Each structure stands twice: as C-alpha cells, then as structure tokens.
Amino acid sequence: MAITYPRAMLAGCQATDTMRLIRTEAASMLSSGATQAIQLAPPRWRCDYTTKPLNMAERRPWRAWLDSLNGALRTFLGHSPLQIWPGAYPGGFAGMNRASGGAFDGTAQASAVSATGISIIGLPAGFVIGAGDLLGLVQNGKYGLYRIMEPVVAAGNGTASVTLSPAVNTSLFSIGATVNFARPVCEMIIDPATAPDASAELSRKPVTFTGIQRLY
C-alpha cells in the first residue's frame, strides 16, 4: 500500500510541553523614544513529543514511521496530546447532538472566515468554547491550527463566532471549511535539530522528537 502524506502520528505519543507558537519578530527603539516591532515570518506551532520507554517490538513501528518521513522532507499531522478535547469536554463528545439534529462528533463548518476569526455552524446548542482551547481548520487538503482567544457559548441554533490566533490564512480557508474540535492538527515536519534515534532497539529508551508546523 502506498504511503500518503501528511502521515498520521502513531498511537501512544505523549507531549513534554504544550503546543506553542514560535514567533519570529524584531524590535527597535527610535531616538524619539518609540518602539517599533515587525514580524519577520508568520508564527508557527511547535510541540515536543516523547513515547514511553520502548522494548524491541514496540520500537520497530516507530523506526519505520520515522524513516518514512525521510528526515524533515515529509510531513505528519501533529496534535497536542495535552489538548485533545476542549476544556469543557475532557471526555469527548459522546451523547452530544447538533442543534440542527444528528450526533456531534467534534466537527462543524465555517460560515464566515476572516484573518482574525471565524463563524461556525453545526454546533450543539450551548456548546462551550473556552479561551485557550485549540481548533483546527481543514479544507482542500490543508490544515490549520488555532488557539481561541475569548470564551464563547454557542447560540441555541448551534452557531458561534470565535477570535483566533495566529491569523487565519484566508487564501487557504474559506466558507465551508471543516472546523475540528476533536484532536485538531496541523501539518508538521520533524525539527532536524531533534532528529530522533529510533535504532537503539535494546536500549528501552523513549523515542523523542520535536514537530514544527509546515506553512503553506
């Protein structure tokens, strides 16, 4: 079977830190006393991953998965193991229904998209969205990951509007994009500086690596 990219992560991976934004900025102080700041590149997500200590049989699938990424040349779908669900729903969405009818599986739809946020349809009535929760956007094979800036409760008809960071790339995501609250992901590469050694099959060490978001 042909491997397709971005690859899903193998089960059992943990995070040693939260999913965090890495910003590339510069600031200068003017003779007038003012301070100017400039963004040199769009911010991108970074997450440190580790497995439990692995025996020989457990290490081999990880070795194959890592080799399939060809270092930093191929991509995978990275998520935050510490934030799989919104804070208000730590056990997931079992038994929840959309306001419009039908079971709610953690996905909804964007009804409006701007650089600063999105409007959403297809949520359960009263769905609680917390500041700091993560949200994913998926459209035409592209993946975006965003942090919610302010708490919101969905209206009785299952609609809500949220403010997001970082800025939404409106050339990639538009009306109709899938909005994902369940294990939201972004497309990542392995940071070459943290390239893991999965070959030490007798060591029982964990496999550790860092993912960095690939920007389109």
N, C-alpha and C. Protein backbone atom coordinates (compact mmCIF):
# COMPACT_ATOMS: atom_id res chain seq x y z
N MET A 1 0.84 -1.19 0.00
CA MET A 1 0.00 0.00 0.00
C MET A 1 0.88 1.26 0.00
N ALA A 2 0.54 2.20 -0.86
CA ALA A 2 1.33 3.43 -0.93
C ALA A 2 1.10 4.30 0.30
N ILE A 3 2.16 4.90 0.79
CA ILE A 3 2.07 5.80 1.94
C ILE A 3 1.65 7.18 1.43
N THR A 4 0.70 7.77 2.12
CA THR A 4 0.27 9.12 1.77
C THR A 4 0.68 10.09 2.87
N TYR A 5 0.92 11.32 2.47
CA TYR A 5 1.36 12.37 3.39
C TYR A 5 0.40 13.54 3.33
N PRO A 6 0.25 14.22 4.46
CA PRO A 6 0.91 14.03 5.74
C PRO A 6 0.44 12.76 6.44
N ARG A 7 1.36 12.10 7.14
CA ARG A 7 1.05 10.85 7.84
C ARG A 7 0.42 11.14 9.20
N ALA A 8 -0.47 10.26 9.62
CA ALA A 8 -0.99 10.33 10.98
C ALA A 8 0.10 9.89 11.94
N MET A 9 0.08 10.45 13.15
CA MET A 9 1.02 10.02 14.17
C MET A 9 0.63 8.64 14.69
N LEU A 10 1.62 7.88 15.12
CA LEU A 10 1.33 6.60 15.75
C LEU A 10 0.71 6.82 17.12
N ALA A 11 -0.06 5.86 17.56
CA ALA A 11 -0.69 5.95 18.88
C ALA A 11 0.37 5.83 19.97
N GLY A 12 0.07 6.43 21.11
CA GLY A 12 0.94 6.29 22.27
C GLY A 12 1.97 7.38 22.44
N CYS A 13 1.89 8.43 21.63
CA CYS A 13 2.85 9.52 21.76
C CYS A 13 2.33 10.53 22.77
N GLN A 14 3.20 11.00 23.63
CA GLN A 14 2.86 11.99 24.63
C GLN A 14 3.56 13.30 24.29
N ALA A 15 3.21 14.35 25.03
CA ALA A 15 3.87 15.65 24.85
C ALA A 15 4.62 16.00 26.12
N THR A 16 5.82 16.54 25.98
CA THR A 16 6.57 17.00 27.13
C THR A 16 6.36 18.50 27.37
N ASP A 17 5.58 19.13 26.50
CA ASP A 17 5.23 20.54 26.65
C ASP A 17 3.96 20.77 25.85
N THR A 18 3.31 21.91 26.07
CA THR A 18 2.11 22.22 25.32
C THR A 18 2.47 22.63 23.90
N MET A 19 1.48 22.55 23.01
CA MET A 19 1.63 23.10 21.67
C MET A 19 1.81 24.61 21.82
N ARG A 20 2.89 25.14 21.26
CA ARG A 20 3.18 26.56 21.47
C ARG A 20 3.56 27.23 20.16
N LEU A 21 3.28 28.53 20.09
CA LEU A 21 3.59 29.30 18.89
C LEU A 21 5.02 29.84 18.99
N ILE A 22 5.78 29.66 17.92
CA ILE A 22 7.11 30.22 17.81
C ILE A 22 7.02 31.43 16.90
N ARG A 23 7.41 32.59 17.42
CA ARG A 23 7.30 33.83 16.67
C ARG A 23 8.68 34.32 16.25
N THR A 24 8.75 34.88 15.04
CA THR A 24 9.99 35.47 14.53
C THR A 24 9.76 36.96 14.35
N GLU A 25 10.26 37.75 15.30
CA GLU A 25 9.99 39.18 15.33
C GLU A 25 11.27 39.94 15.66
N ALA A 26 11.24 41.22 15.36
CA ALA A 26 12.35 42.09 15.71
C ALA A 26 11.78 43.41 16.21
N ALA A 27 12.46 44.04 17.15
CA ALA A 27 12.02 45.33 17.70
C ALA A 27 13.20 46.29 17.71
N SER A 28 12.91 47.55 17.48
CA SER A 28 13.95 48.58 17.52
C SER A 28 13.41 49.79 18.25
N MET A 29 14.29 50.45 18.99
CA MET A 29 13.92 51.65 19.74
C MET A 29 14.40 52.88 18.98
N LEU A 30 13.50 53.82 18.73
CA LEU A 30 13.81 55.03 17.98
C LEU A 30 14.30 56.13 18.92
N SER A 31 14.99 57.10 18.35
CA SER A 31 15.50 58.20 19.15
C SER A 31 14.37 59.00 19.80
N SER A 32 13.18 58.92 19.22
CA SER A 32 12.03 59.63 19.79
C SER A 32 11.52 58.96 21.06
N GLY A 33 11.99 57.76 21.33
CA GLY A 33 11.50 57.01 22.47
C GLY A 33 10.49 55.94 22.10
N ALA A 34 9.99 55.99 20.87
CA ALA A 34 9.03 54.99 20.43
C ALA A 34 9.74 53.65 20.15
N THR A 35 8.99 52.59 20.25
CA THR A 35 9.50 51.26 19.94
C THR A 35 8.70 50.68 18.78
N GLN A 36 9.40 50.24 17.77
CA GLN A 36 8.75 49.63 16.62
C GLN A 36 9.06 48.14 16.60
N ALA A 37 8.05 47.35 16.26
CA ALA A 37 8.22 45.90 16.15
C ALA A 37 7.72 45.44 14.79
N ILE A 38 8.35 44.41 14.28
CA ILE A 38 7.98 43.89 12.98
C ILE A 38 8.00 42.36 13.03
N GLN A 39 7.05 41.75 12.35
CA GLN A 39 7.01 40.30 12.22
C GLN A 39 7.81 39.89 11.00
N LEU A 40 8.87 39.12 11.20
CA LEU A 40 9.75 38.73 10.11
C LEU A 40 9.23 37.51 9.35
N ALA A 41 8.43 36.69 10.02
CA ALA A 41 7.85 35.50 9.39
C ALA A 41 6.60 35.13 10.16
N PRO A 42 5.65 34.47 9.52
CA PRO A 42 4.43 34.07 10.24
C PRO A 42 4.78 33.14 11.40
N PRO A 43 4.05 33.24 12.50
CA PRO A 43 4.29 32.30 13.61
C PRO A 43 3.92 30.88 13.20
N ARG A 44 4.55 29.93 13.85
CA ARG A 44 4.26 28.52 13.55
C ARG A 44 4.26 27.72 14.84
N TRP A 45 3.52 26.61 14.81
CA TRP A 45 3.38 25.78 16.00
C TRP A 45 4.57 24.85 16.16
N ARG A 46 4.88 24.57 17.42
CA ARG A 46 5.97 23.66 17.77
C ARG A 46 5.51 22.81 18.96
N CYS A 47 5.85 21.52 18.93
CA CYS A 47 5.47 20.65 20.04
C CYS A 47 6.55 19.59 20.22
N ASP A 48 6.90 19.32 21.47
CA ASP A 48 7.88 18.29 21.81
C ASP A 48 7.15 16.99 22.14
N TYR A 49 7.55 15.91 21.51
CA TYR A 49 6.88 14.63 21.67
C TYR A 49 7.83 13.59 22.27
N THR A 50 7.24 12.65 22.99
CA THR A 50 8.01 11.52 23.50
C THR A 50 7.09 10.30 23.62
N THR A 51 7.67 9.15 23.52
CA THR A 51 6.95 7.91 23.78
C THR A 51 7.31 7.42 25.18
N LYS A 52 6.64 6.39 25.63
CA LYS A 52 7.10 5.70 26.83
C LYS A 52 8.38 4.95 26.48
N PRO A 53 9.13 4.45 27.47
CA PRO A 53 10.27 3.57 27.14
C PRO A 53 9.79 2.38 26.32
N LEU A 54 10.48 2.10 25.23
CA LEU A 54 10.01 1.09 24.27
C LEU A 54 10.91 -0.13 24.28
N ASN A 55 10.28 -1.31 24.23
CA ASN A 55 11.07 -2.52 24.03
C ASN A 55 11.32 -2.72 22.53
N MET A 56 11.99 -3.80 22.19
CA MET A 56 12.39 -4.01 20.80
C MET A 56 11.19 -4.05 19.85
N ALA A 57 10.15 -4.78 20.22
CA ALA A 57 8.99 -4.91 19.34
C ALA A 57 8.25 -3.58 19.21
N GLU A 58 8.17 -2.81 20.29
CA GLU A 58 7.46 -1.53 20.26
C GLU A 58 8.23 -0.48 19.49
N ARG A 59 9.53 -0.58 19.47
CA ARG A 59 10.36 0.44 18.81
C ARG A 59 10.31 0.32 17.29
N ARG A 60 10.13 -0.87 16.78
CA ARG A 60 10.23 -1.07 15.33
C ARG A 60 9.19 -0.29 14.53
N PRO A 61 7.90 -0.25 14.94
CA PRO A 61 6.96 0.58 14.18
C PRO A 61 7.35 2.06 14.18
N TRP A 62 7.89 2.54 15.30
CA TRP A 62 8.33 3.94 15.35
C TRP A 62 9.52 4.17 14.42
N ARG A 63 10.40 3.19 14.37
CA ARG A 63 11.56 3.32 13.47
C ARG A 63 11.09 3.42 12.02
N ALA A 64 10.12 2.58 11.65
CA ALA A 64 9.61 2.61 10.29
C ALA A 64 8.88 3.93 10.01
N TRP A 65 8.07 4.39 10.99
CA TRP A 65 7.33 5.65 10.80
C TRP A 65 8.28 6.82 10.62
N LEU A 66 9.31 6.90 11.45
CA LEU A 66 10.27 7.98 11.36
C LEU A 66 11.04 7.91 10.05
N ASP A 67 11.47 6.71 9.65
CA ASP A 67 12.20 6.58 8.39
C ASP A 67 11.33 7.00 7.21
N SER A 68 10.00 6.75 7.30
CA SER A 68 9.11 7.11 6.19
C SER A 68 9.01 8.62 6.00
N LEU A 69 9.33 9.38 7.05
CA LEU A 69 9.28 10.84 6.94
C LEU A 69 10.52 11.41 6.25
N ASN A 70 11.52 10.55 6.05
CA ASN A 70 12.72 10.98 5.32
C ASN A 70 13.33 12.23 5.94
N GLY A 71 13.57 12.14 7.25
CA GLY A 71 14.08 13.30 7.97
C GLY A 71 13.00 14.37 8.08
N ALA A 72 13.34 15.56 7.62
CA ALA A 72 12.39 16.68 7.64
C ALA A 72 11.72 16.89 6.28
N LEU A 73 11.89 15.94 5.36
CA LEU A 73 11.39 16.15 3.99
C LEU A 73 9.93 15.79 3.82
N ARG A 74 9.40 14.92 4.69
CA ARG A 74 8.00 14.53 4.62
C ARG A 74 7.26 15.02 5.86
N THR A 75 5.94 15.08 5.76
CA THR A 75 5.16 15.71 6.83
C THR A 75 4.26 14.71 7.55
N PHE A 76 3.86 15.11 8.76
CA PHE A 76 2.91 14.34 9.55
C PHE A 76 1.90 15.29 10.17
N LEU A 77 0.81 14.74 10.66
CA LEU A 77 -0.24 15.52 11.29
C LEU A 77 0.00 15.55 12.80
N GLY A 78 0.49 16.68 13.28
CA GLY A 78 0.81 16.81 14.69
C GLY A 78 -0.34 17.42 15.47
N HIS A 79 -0.57 16.91 16.67
CA HIS A 79 -1.58 17.46 17.55
C HIS A 79 -0.98 17.61 18.94
N SER A 80 -1.69 18.25 19.83
CA SER A 80 -1.25 18.37 21.21
C SER A 80 -1.85 17.24 22.04
N PRO A 81 -1.06 16.27 22.50
CA PRO A 81 -1.61 15.23 23.36
C PRO A 81 -2.17 15.77 24.67
N LEU A 82 -1.80 17.00 25.04
CA LEU A 82 -2.32 17.60 26.26
C LEU A 82 -3.64 18.33 26.04
N GLN A 83 -4.03 18.53 24.78
CA GLN A 83 -5.28 19.23 24.46
C GLN A 83 -6.00 18.52 23.33
N ILE A 84 -6.43 17.30 23.60
CA ILE A 84 -7.17 16.55 22.59
C ILE A 84 -8.60 17.05 22.48
N TRP A 85 -9.19 17.47 23.62
CA TRP A 85 -10.57 17.94 23.66
C TRP A 85 -10.61 19.36 24.23
N PRO A 86 -11.69 20.11 23.97
CA PRO A 86 -11.87 21.40 24.64
C PRO A 86 -11.92 21.22 26.16
N GLY A 87 -11.56 22.27 26.89
CA GLY A 87 -11.50 22.18 28.33
C GLY A 87 -12.82 21.80 28.98
N ALA A 88 -13.94 22.22 28.38
CA ALA A 88 -15.26 21.92 28.96
C ALA A 88 -15.70 20.48 28.73
N TYR A 89 -14.99 19.75 27.85
CA TYR A 89 -15.40 18.38 27.49
C TYR A 89 -14.18 17.45 27.53
N PRO A 90 -13.61 17.24 28.71
CA PRO A 90 -12.39 16.44 28.80
C PRO A 90 -12.57 14.98 28.40
N GLY A 91 -13.82 14.51 28.38
CA GLY A 91 -14.07 13.13 27.99
C GLY A 91 -14.55 12.96 26.57
N GLY A 92 -14.62 14.06 25.80
CA GLY A 92 -15.09 13.97 24.43
C GLY A 92 -16.56 14.33 24.29
N PHE A 93 -17.17 13.94 23.19
CA PHE A 93 -18.49 14.43 22.83
C PHE A 93 -19.55 13.33 22.75
N ALA A 94 -19.32 12.20 23.38
CA ALA A 94 -20.28 11.10 23.32
C ALA A 94 -21.64 11.55 23.88
N GLY A 95 -22.70 11.24 23.13
CA GLY A 95 -24.05 11.58 23.56
C GLY A 95 -24.50 12.98 23.22
N MET A 96 -23.63 13.80 22.62
CA MET A 96 -24.00 15.17 22.27
C MET A 96 -24.59 15.21 20.86
N ASN A 97 -25.51 16.13 20.64
CA ASN A 97 -26.16 16.28 19.34
C ASN A 97 -26.07 17.71 18.85
N ARG A 98 -26.02 17.86 17.54
CA ARG A 98 -26.04 19.19 16.93
C ARG A 98 -27.40 19.83 17.13
N ALA A 99 -27.43 21.15 17.20
CA ALA A 99 -28.70 21.85 17.33
C ALA A 99 -29.60 21.58 16.13
N SER A 100 -28.99 21.35 14.97
CA SER A 100 -29.75 21.08 13.75
C SER A 100 -30.14 19.61 13.61
N GLY A 101 -29.70 18.77 14.57
CA GLY A 101 -30.02 17.35 14.53
C GLY A 101 -28.83 16.50 14.16
N GLY A 102 -28.78 15.30 14.70
CA GLY A 102 -27.68 14.39 14.41
C GLY A 102 -26.60 14.45 15.46
N ALA A 103 -25.86 13.37 15.59
CA ALA A 103 -24.81 13.28 16.59
C ALA A 103 -23.69 14.26 16.28
N PHE A 104 -23.11 14.82 17.34
CA PHE A 104 -21.98 15.73 17.20
C PHE A 104 -20.69 14.97 17.45
N ASP A 105 -19.80 14.99 16.46
CA ASP A 105 -18.55 14.24 16.55
C ASP A 105 -17.33 15.13 16.75
N GLY A 106 -17.56 16.41 17.04
CA GLY A 106 -16.44 17.33 17.23
C GLY A 106 -16.14 18.19 16.02
N THR A 107 -16.84 17.95 14.92
CA THR A 107 -16.63 18.76 13.72
C THR A 107 -17.84 19.64 13.45
N ALA A 108 -17.58 20.78 12.83
CA ALA A 108 -18.63 21.71 12.42
C ALA A 108 -18.18 22.34 11.11
N GLN A 109 -18.76 23.46 10.76
CA GLN A 109 -18.46 24.08 9.47
C GLN A 109 -18.31 25.58 9.64
N ALA A 110 -17.37 26.16 8.89
CA ALA A 110 -17.17 27.60 8.90
C ALA A 110 -18.19 28.26 7.99
N SER A 111 -18.91 29.25 8.53
CA SER A 111 -19.88 30.00 7.72
C SER A 111 -19.35 31.37 7.34
N ALA A 112 -18.26 31.80 7.94
CA ALA A 112 -17.57 33.04 7.59
C ALA A 112 -16.14 32.92 8.09
N VAL A 113 -15.18 33.47 7.33
CA VAL A 113 -13.76 33.38 7.69
C VAL A 113 -13.10 34.73 7.46
N SER A 114 -12.36 35.20 8.47
CA SER A 114 -11.54 36.40 8.32
C SER A 114 -10.18 36.11 8.94
N ALA A 115 -9.25 37.04 8.81
CA ALA A 115 -7.91 36.83 9.36
C ALA A 115 -7.92 36.70 10.87
N THR A 116 -8.90 37.30 11.52
CA THR A 116 -8.92 37.31 12.99
C THR A 116 -9.81 36.25 13.61
N GLY A 117 -10.65 35.58 12.82
CA GLY A 117 -11.52 34.58 13.40
C GLY A 117 -12.51 34.02 12.41
N ILE A 118 -13.41 33.17 12.91
CA ILE A 118 -14.38 32.51 12.06
C ILE A 118 -15.74 32.47 12.74
N SER A 119 -16.79 32.31 11.93
CA SER A 119 -18.12 31.99 12.43
C SER A 119 -18.38 30.52 12.12
N ILE A 120 -19.10 29.86 13.02
CA ILE A 120 -19.26 28.41 12.96
C ILE A 120 -20.73 28.05 12.99
N ILE A 121 -21.11 27.06 12.20
CA ILE A 121 -22.44 26.47 12.25
C ILE A 121 -22.31 24.97 12.50
N GLY A 122 -23.39 24.35 12.99
CA GLY A 122 -23.38 22.91 13.18
C GLY A 122 -22.93 22.46 14.55
N LEU A 123 -22.95 23.35 15.55
CA LEU A 123 -22.57 23.00 16.92
C LEU A 123 -23.80 22.58 17.73
N PRO A 124 -23.60 21.93 18.86
CA PRO A 124 -24.71 21.72 19.79
C PRO A 124 -25.14 23.05 20.40
N ALA A 125 -26.40 23.19 20.72
CA ALA A 125 -26.87 24.38 21.43
C ALA A 125 -26.14 24.50 22.77
N GLY A 126 -25.64 25.70 23.06
CA GLY A 126 -24.94 25.93 24.32
C GLY A 126 -23.55 25.34 24.39
N PHE A 127 -22.99 24.95 23.27
CA PHE A 127 -21.64 24.38 23.24
C PHE A 127 -20.64 25.39 23.81
N VAL A 128 -19.85 24.96 24.78
CA VAL A 128 -18.94 25.85 25.50
C VAL A 128 -17.56 25.81 24.86
N ILE A 129 -17.09 26.97 24.41
CA ILE A 129 -15.76 27.11 23.81
C ILE A 129 -14.94 28.00 24.74
N GLY A 130 -13.85 27.48 25.26
CA GLY A 130 -13.07 28.20 26.26
C GLY A 130 -11.87 28.92 25.67
N ALA A 131 -11.49 30.02 26.32
CA ALA A 131 -10.24 30.70 25.95
C ALA A 131 -9.08 29.73 26.17
N GLY A 132 -8.23 29.60 25.16
CA GLY A 132 -7.11 28.68 25.24
C GLY A 132 -7.37 27.34 24.59
N ASP A 133 -8.64 27.02 24.29
CA ASP A 133 -8.93 25.78 23.56
C ASP A 133 -8.31 25.85 22.17
N LEU A 134 -8.00 24.69 21.60
CA LEU A 134 -7.48 24.61 20.25
C LEU A 134 -8.58 24.22 19.27
N LEU A 135 -8.46 24.72 18.07
CA LEU A 135 -9.44 24.49 17.00
C LEU A 135 -8.67 24.26 15.71
N GLY A 136 -9.14 23.31 14.91
CA GLY A 136 -8.49 23.04 13.63
C GLY A 136 -9.38 23.41 12.47
N LEU A 137 -8.77 23.81 11.37
CA LEU A 137 -9.46 24.03 10.11
C LEU A 137 -8.88 23.08 9.07
N VAL A 138 -9.77 22.49 8.27
CA VAL A 138 -9.34 21.56 7.22
C VAL A 138 -10.10 21.90 5.95
N GLN A 139 -9.38 22.09 4.86
CA GLN A 139 -10.03 22.38 3.58
C GLN A 139 -9.06 22.10 2.45
N ASN A 140 -9.52 21.35 1.46
CA ASN A 140 -8.73 21.05 0.26
C ASN A 140 -7.34 20.51 0.59
N GLY A 141 -7.28 19.62 1.57
CA GLY A 141 -6.01 19.00 1.91
C GLY A 141 -5.07 19.86 2.72
N LYS A 142 -5.52 21.01 3.19
CA LYS A 142 -4.70 21.90 4.01
C LYS A 142 -5.22 21.89 5.44
N TYR A 143 -4.29 22.08 6.38
CA TYR A 143 -4.63 22.00 7.80
C TYR A 143 -4.13 23.26 8.51
N GLY A 144 -5.01 23.84 9.34
CA GLY A 144 -4.63 24.99 10.16
C GLY A 144 -4.98 24.73 11.61
N LEU A 145 -4.15 25.22 12.52
CA LEU A 145 -4.37 25.04 13.95
C LEU A 145 -4.38 26.41 14.62
N TYR A 146 -5.35 26.64 15.50
CA TYR A 146 -5.54 27.97 16.09
C TYR A 146 -5.93 27.85 17.56
N ARG A 147 -5.54 28.87 18.32
CA ARG A 147 -5.94 28.95 19.72
C ARG A 147 -7.04 30.00 19.86
N ILE A 148 -8.06 29.68 20.64
CA ILE A 148 -9.21 30.56 20.83
C ILE A 148 -8.87 31.60 21.88
N MET A 149 -9.15 32.86 21.59
CA MET A 149 -8.71 33.97 22.42
C MET A 149 -9.70 34.36 23.51
N GLU A 150 -10.99 34.15 23.28
CA GLU A 150 -12.02 34.57 24.24
C GLU A 150 -13.07 33.47 24.37
N PRO A 151 -13.64 33.29 25.56
CA PRO A 151 -14.67 32.25 25.73
C PRO A 151 -15.95 32.62 25.00
N VAL A 152 -16.62 31.60 24.46
CA VAL A 152 -17.86 31.78 23.70
C VAL A 152 -18.78 30.61 24.03
N VAL A 153 -20.09 30.86 24.06
CA VAL A 153 -21.09 29.81 24.19
C VAL A 153 -21.96 29.85 22.94
N ALA A 154 -22.12 28.70 22.29
CA ALA A 154 -22.90 28.66 21.05
C ALA A 154 -24.36 29.01 21.32
N ALA A 155 -24.98 29.68 20.37
CA ALA A 155 -26.40 30.04 20.47
C ALA A 155 -27.27 28.79 20.38
N GLY A 156 -28.56 28.97 20.60
CA GLY A 156 -29.49 27.85 20.57
C GLY A 156 -29.57 27.17 19.22
N ASN A 157 -29.21 27.87 18.16
CA ASN A 157 -29.23 27.28 16.82
C ASN A 157 -27.89 26.66 16.43
N GLY A 158 -26.96 26.59 17.39
CA GLY A 158 -25.68 25.93 17.12
C GLY A 158 -24.68 26.77 16.38
N THR A 159 -24.77 28.10 16.49
CA THR A 159 -23.82 28.98 15.82
C THR A 159 -22.94 29.68 16.87
N ALA A 160 -21.75 30.05 16.46
CA ALA A 160 -20.84 30.78 17.34
C ALA A 160 -19.80 31.48 16.48
N SER A 161 -19.23 32.54 17.02
CA SER A 161 -18.12 33.25 16.37
C SER A 161 -16.96 33.31 17.34
N VAL A 162 -15.76 33.01 16.86
CA VAL A 162 -14.59 32.95 17.73
C VAL A 162 -13.45 33.78 17.15
N THR A 163 -12.66 34.35 18.05
CA THR A 163 -11.43 35.06 17.68
C THR A 163 -10.26 34.11 17.85
N LEU A 164 -9.36 34.09 16.85
CA LEU A 164 -8.32 33.08 16.80
C LEU A 164 -6.92 33.69 16.69
N SER A 165 -5.95 32.93 17.13
CA SER A 165 -4.53 33.24 16.93
C SER A 165 -3.82 31.93 16.59
N PRO A 166 -2.91 31.94 15.63
CA PRO A 166 -2.45 33.07 14.83
C PRO A 166 -3.48 33.47 13.77
N ALA A 167 -3.11 34.43 12.92
CA ALA A 167 -4.02 34.90 11.89
C ALA A 167 -4.40 33.76 10.94
N VAL A 168 -5.65 33.74 10.55
CA VAL A 168 -6.14 32.72 9.61
C VAL A 168 -5.71 33.09 8.20
N ASN A 169 -5.16 32.14 7.48
CA ASN A 169 -4.78 32.36 6.08
C ASN A 169 -6.03 32.22 5.22
N THR A 170 -6.61 33.35 4.85
CA THR A 170 -7.88 33.34 4.12
C THR A 170 -7.71 32.93 2.66
N SER A 171 -6.48 32.77 2.21
CA SER A 171 -6.29 32.22 0.86
C SER A 171 -6.37 30.70 0.87
N LEU A 172 -6.31 30.11 2.06
CA LEU A 172 -6.41 28.65 2.20
C LEU A 172 -7.75 28.21 2.76
N PHE A 173 -8.32 28.99 3.68
CA PHE A 173 -9.53 28.59 4.39
C PHE A 173 -10.63 29.61 4.15
N SER A 174 -11.80 29.11 3.80
CA SER A 174 -12.92 29.98 3.46
C SER A 174 -14.21 29.32 3.94
N ILE A 175 -15.34 29.91 3.55
CA ILE A 175 -16.65 29.35 3.91
C ILE A 175 -16.72 27.88 3.47
N GLY A 176 -17.20 27.04 4.35
CA GLY A 176 -17.30 25.62 4.06
C GLY A 176 -16.17 24.79 4.64
N ALA A 177 -15.13 25.44 5.17
CA ALA A 177 -14.04 24.69 5.78
C ALA A 177 -14.56 23.87 6.96
N THR A 178 -14.00 22.69 7.17
CA THR A 178 -14.34 21.88 8.33
C THR A 178 -13.66 22.45 9.56
N VAL A 179 -14.45 22.64 10.61
CA VAL A 179 -13.95 23.12 11.89
C VAL A 179 -13.87 21.93 12.83
N ASN A 180 -12.69 21.69 13.41
CA ASN A 180 -12.48 20.47 14.18
C ASN A 180 -12.08 20.79 15.62
N PHE A 181 -12.89 20.32 16.58
CA PHE A 181 -12.58 20.48 18.00
C PHE A 181 -12.01 19.19 18.61
N ALA A 182 -11.99 18.10 17.87
CA ALA A 182 -11.54 16.80 18.37
C ALA A 182 -10.15 16.50 17.82
N ARG A 183 -9.15 16.52 18.68
CA ARG A 183 -7.77 16.27 18.27
C ARG A 183 -7.38 17.12 17.05
N PRO A 184 -7.51 18.44 17.14
CA PRO A 184 -7.16 19.29 16.00
C PRO A 184 -5.67 19.19 15.67
N VAL A 185 -5.34 19.26 14.39
CA VAL A 185 -3.97 19.01 13.94
C VAL A 185 -3.48 20.13 13.03
N CYS A 186 -2.17 20.16 12.85
CA CYS A 186 -1.56 20.94 11.78
C CYS A 186 -0.52 20.06 11.11
N GLU A 187 -0.11 20.44 9.92
CA GLU A 187 0.89 19.67 9.19
C GLU A 187 2.27 20.06 9.69
N MET A 188 3.07 19.06 10.04
CA MET A 188 4.37 19.32 10.67
C MET A 188 5.49 18.54 9.99
N ILE A 189 6.71 19.02 10.21
CA ILE A 189 7.92 18.27 9.90
C ILE A 189 8.68 18.05 11.20
N ILE A 190 9.59 17.10 11.20
CA ILE A 190 10.46 16.91 12.36
C ILE A 190 11.57 17.94 12.32
N ASP A 191 11.76 18.63 13.44
CA ASP A 191 12.86 19.59 13.55
C ASP A 191 14.17 18.83 13.36
N PRO A 192 14.96 19.17 12.32
CA PRO A 192 16.20 18.42 12.07
C PRO A 192 17.15 18.43 13.27
N ALA A 193 17.07 19.48 14.10
CA ALA A 193 17.95 19.56 15.26
C ALA A 193 17.59 18.54 16.33
N THR A 194 16.40 17.94 16.21
CA THR A 194 15.95 16.97 17.21
C THR A 194 15.73 15.60 16.58
N ALA A 195 16.36 15.34 15.45
CA ALA A 195 16.15 14.07 14.75
C ALA A 195 16.37 12.91 15.71
N PRO A 196 15.36 12.06 15.90
CA PRO A 196 15.45 11.01 16.92
C PRO A 196 16.27 9.81 16.45
N ASP A 197 16.81 9.09 17.40
CA ASP A 197 17.48 7.83 17.12
C ASP A 197 16.55 6.71 17.55
N ALA A 198 15.89 6.11 16.59
CA ALA A 198 14.96 5.01 16.90
C ALA A 198 15.61 3.66 16.66
N SER A 199 16.91 3.66 16.43
CA SER A 199 17.56 2.40 16.04
C SER A 199 18.09 1.59 17.22
N ALA A 200 18.19 2.23 18.40
CA ALA A 200 18.78 1.54 19.55
C ALA A 200 17.76 0.58 20.15
N GLU A 201 17.53 -0.53 19.50
CA GLU A 201 16.42 -1.41 19.84
C GLU A 201 16.57 -2.08 21.20
N LEU A 202 17.78 -2.14 21.73
CA LEU A 202 17.99 -2.81 23.00
C LEU A 202 18.03 -1.85 24.18
N SER A 203 17.81 -0.57 23.94
CA SER A 203 18.05 0.43 24.98
C SER A 203 16.86 0.65 25.90
N ARG A 204 15.64 0.36 25.43
CA ARG A 204 14.40 0.68 26.15
C ARG A 204 14.27 2.17 26.45
N LYS A 205 14.88 3.00 25.65
CA LYS A 205 14.70 4.43 25.79
C LYS A 205 13.43 4.86 25.05
N PRO A 206 12.84 5.98 25.45
CA PRO A 206 11.73 6.52 24.65
C PRO A 206 12.26 7.11 23.36
N VAL A 207 11.40 7.23 22.38
CA VAL A 207 11.70 7.99 21.17
C VAL A 207 11.20 9.41 21.39
N THR A 208 12.06 10.40 21.20
CA THR A 208 11.69 11.80 21.39
C THR A 208 12.00 12.59 20.13
N PHE A 209 11.15 13.55 19.82
CA PHE A 209 11.38 14.42 18.67
C PHE A 209 10.51 15.66 18.83
N THR A 210 10.80 16.67 18.04
CA THR A 210 10.05 17.92 18.04
C THR A 210 9.43 18.14 16.67
N GLY A 211 8.15 18.48 16.64
CA GLY A 211 7.47 18.81 15.41
C GLY A 211 7.37 20.32 15.24
N ILE A 212 7.59 20.79 14.02
CA ILE A 212 7.44 22.21 13.68
C ILE A 212 6.45 22.32 12.53
N GLN A 213 5.51 23.23 12.65
CA GLN A 213 4.48 23.37 11.63
C GLN A 213 5.07 23.72 10.28
N ARG A 214 4.56 23.08 9.24
CA ARG A 214 4.92 23.44 7.87
C ARG A 214 3.90 24.45 7.39
N LEU A 215 4.37 25.62 6.99
CA LEU A 215 3.49 26.66 6.48
C LEU A 215 3.38 26.52 4.97
N TYR A 216 2.17 26.72 4.45
CA TYR A 216 1.92 26.54 3.02
C TYR A 216 2.30 27.81 2.25
